[in-house]
């Protein structure tokens, strides 16, 4: 997954978490939080893959 898609997933999760908080919906808050964490993990994996690509090109 690209870094942009991962960031979009984080934003979607934040919106969902905020909506859950506004409506006092604990399940929606938890889903939003989980979505944010998933996006962060995907972003970190993408960054690691990019770093590996850069490092393997160096002599």
N, C-alpha and C. Protein backbone atom coordinates (compact mmCIF):
# COMPACT_ATOMS: atom_id res chain seq x y z
N UNK A 1 0.85 -1.17 0.00
CA UNK A 1 0.00 0.00 0.00
C UNK A 1 0.90 1.24 0.00
N UNK A 2 0.46 2.25 -0.69
CA UNK A 2 1.25 3.47 -0.76
C UNK A 2 1.10 4.29 0.52
N UNK A 3 2.06 5.19 0.71
CA UNK A 3 2.01 6.05 1.90
C UNK A 3 0.76 6.93 1.87
N UNK A 4 0.36 7.37 0.67
CA UNK A 4 -0.83 8.23 0.56
C UNK A 4 -2.09 7.48 0.99
N UNK A 5 -2.21 6.24 0.57
CA UNK A 5 -3.38 5.44 0.95
C UNK A 5 -3.38 5.17 2.45
N UNK A 6 -2.19 4.94 3.00
CA UNK A 6 -2.08 4.70 4.43
C UNK A 6 -2.49 5.95 5.21
N UNK A 7 -2.06 7.12 4.75
CA UNK A 7 -2.45 8.38 5.40
C UNK A 7 -3.96 8.59 5.31
N UNK A 8 -4.53 8.27 4.14
CA UNK A 8 -5.98 8.40 3.96
C UNK A 8 -6.73 7.50 4.94
N UNK A 9 -6.20 6.31 5.16
CA UNK A 9 -6.82 5.38 6.11
C UNK A 9 -6.75 5.93 7.53
N UNK A 10 -5.64 6.58 7.85
CA UNK A 10 -5.50 7.20 9.18
C UNK A 10 -6.52 8.32 9.36
N UNK A 11 -6.68 9.14 8.33
CA UNK A 11 -7.63 10.26 8.41
C UNK A 11 -9.05 9.73 8.54
N UNK A 12 -9.37 8.72 7.76
CA UNK A 12 -10.71 8.11 7.83
C UNK A 12 -10.97 7.57 9.24
N UNK A 13 -9.97 6.94 9.81
CA UNK A 13 -10.10 6.41 11.17
C UNK A 13 -10.29 7.52 12.19
N UNK A 14 -9.57 8.62 12.03
CA UNK A 14 -9.69 9.75 12.96
C UNK A 14 -11.10 10.34 12.89
N UNK A 15 -11.62 10.48 11.67
CA UNK A 15 -12.98 11.00 11.50
C UNK A 15 -13.99 10.06 12.15
N UNK A 16 -13.81 8.77 11.93
CA UNK A 16 -14.72 7.78 12.51
C UNK A 16 -14.66 7.81 14.04
N UNK A 17 -13.45 7.92 14.57
CA UNK A 17 -13.28 7.98 16.02
C UNK A 17 -13.94 9.24 16.58
N UNK A 18 -13.77 10.37 15.92
CA UNK A 18 -14.37 11.62 16.37
C UNK A 18 -15.89 11.56 16.30
N UNK A 19 -16.41 10.98 15.24
CA UNK A 19 -17.87 10.84 15.11
C UNK A 19 -18.40 9.95 16.22
N UNK A 20 -17.69 8.88 16.51
CA UNK A 20 -18.11 7.99 17.60
C UNK A 20 -18.09 8.69 18.94
N UNK A 21 -17.11 9.54 19.13
CA UNK A 21 -17.02 10.30 20.37
C UNK A 21 -18.19 11.29 20.48
N UNK A 22 -18.49 11.95 19.37
CA UNK A 22 -19.58 12.92 19.37
C UNK A 22 -20.93 12.25 19.63
N UNK A 23 -21.09 11.03 19.14
CA UNK A 23 -22.36 10.31 19.31
C UNK A 23 -22.34 9.38 20.52
N UNK A 24 -21.22 9.41 21.29
CA UNK A 24 -21.05 8.54 22.44
C UNK A 24 -21.21 7.07 22.05
N UNK A 25 -20.61 6.71 20.91
CA UNK A 25 -20.66 5.34 20.39
C UNK A 25 -19.27 4.73 20.56
N UNK A 26 -19.12 3.93 21.61
CA UNK A 26 -17.81 3.34 21.94
C UNK A 26 -17.31 2.40 20.85
N UNK A 27 -18.22 1.68 20.21
CA UNK A 27 -17.81 0.75 19.14
C UNK A 27 -17.22 1.52 17.96
N UNK A 28 -17.87 2.61 17.56
CA UNK A 28 -17.37 3.41 16.45
C UNK A 28 -16.03 4.03 16.80
N UNK A 29 -15.87 4.47 18.04
CA UNK A 29 -14.60 5.02 18.49
C UNK A 29 -13.50 3.97 18.37
N UNK A 30 -13.79 2.76 18.81
CA UNK A 30 -12.81 1.68 18.76
C UNK A 30 -12.46 1.32 17.31
N UNK A 31 -13.46 1.27 16.45
CA UNK A 31 -13.22 0.97 15.04
C UNK A 31 -12.34 2.05 14.41
N UNK A 32 -12.62 3.29 14.72
CA UNK A 32 -11.82 4.40 14.20
C UNK A 32 -10.39 4.33 14.68
N UNK A 33 -10.22 4.03 15.94
CA UNK A 33 -8.88 3.92 16.51
C UNK A 33 -8.12 2.77 15.85
N UNK A 34 -8.78 1.65 15.65
CA UNK A 34 -8.15 0.50 15.00
C UNK A 34 -7.77 0.83 13.56
N UNK A 35 -8.63 1.56 12.88
CA UNK A 35 -8.34 1.95 11.50
C UNK A 35 -7.12 2.87 11.43
N UNK A 36 -7.03 3.78 12.38
CA UNK A 36 -5.86 4.66 12.45
C UNK A 36 -4.59 3.86 12.65
N UNK A 37 -4.62 2.92 13.57
CA UNK A 37 -3.44 2.11 13.85
C UNK A 37 -3.05 1.27 12.64
N UNK A 38 -4.04 0.76 11.94
CA UNK A 38 -3.76 -0.01 10.72
C UNK A 38 -3.10 0.87 9.67
N UNK A 39 -3.58 2.09 9.54
CA UNK A 39 -2.98 3.04 8.60
C UNK A 39 -1.55 3.38 8.97
N UNK A 40 -1.30 3.55 10.26
CA UNK A 40 0.06 3.85 10.72
C UNK A 40 1.00 2.67 10.43
N UNK A 41 0.51 1.46 10.67
CA UNK A 41 1.33 0.28 10.40
C UNK A 41 1.64 0.16 8.91
N UNK A 42 0.65 0.42 8.08
CA UNK A 42 0.86 0.35 6.63
C UNK A 42 1.84 1.43 6.17
N UNK A 43 1.74 2.61 6.77
CA UNK A 43 2.65 3.70 6.42
C UNK A 43 4.09 3.32 6.80
N UNK A 44 4.26 2.74 7.98
CA UNK A 44 5.59 2.34 8.41
C UNK A 44 6.15 1.24 7.51
N UNK A 45 5.31 0.31 7.10
CA UNK A 45 5.76 -0.76 6.20
C UNK A 45 6.17 -0.19 4.85
N UNK A 46 5.43 0.78 4.38
CA UNK A 46 5.75 1.42 3.10
C UNK A 46 7.07 2.18 3.20
N UNK A 47 7.27 2.88 4.31
CA UNK A 47 8.53 3.61 4.51
C UNK A 47 9.71 2.63 4.58
N UNK A 48 9.51 1.52 5.26
CA UNK A 48 10.58 0.52 5.37
C UNK A 48 10.92 -0.06 3.99
N UNK A 49 9.89 -0.33 3.20
CA UNK A 49 10.12 -0.86 1.85
C UNK A 49 10.88 0.15 1.00
N UNK A 50 10.50 1.42 1.11
CA UNK A 50 11.21 2.47 0.36
C UNK A 50 12.66 2.55 0.78
N UNK A 51 12.91 2.45 2.07
CA UNK A 51 14.29 2.51 2.58
C UNK A 51 15.09 1.33 2.07
N UNK A 52 14.49 0.16 2.06
CA UNK A 52 15.18 -1.03 1.56
C UNK A 52 15.55 -0.85 0.09
N UNK A 53 14.64 -0.29 -0.69
CA UNK A 53 14.91 -0.04 -2.11
C UNK A 53 16.08 0.92 -2.27
N UNK A 54 16.08 1.99 -1.48
CA UNK A 54 17.17 2.97 -1.56
C UNK A 54 18.50 2.36 -1.14
N UNK A 55 18.47 1.59 -0.06
CA UNK A 55 19.70 1.00 0.46
C UNK A 55 20.29 -0.05 -0.47
N UNK A 56 19.45 -0.77 -1.20
CA UNK A 56 19.96 -1.80 -2.09
C UNK A 56 20.55 -1.20 -3.36
N UNK A 57 20.22 0.04 -3.69
CA UNK A 57 20.78 0.69 -4.87
C UNK A 57 22.17 1.23 -4.61
N UNK A 58 22.51 1.44 -3.36
CA UNK A 58 23.83 1.99 -3.03
C UNK A 58 24.91 0.92 -3.22
N UNK A 59 26.06 1.31 -3.77
CA UNK A 59 27.14 0.33 -3.97
C UNK A 59 27.79 -0.10 -2.68
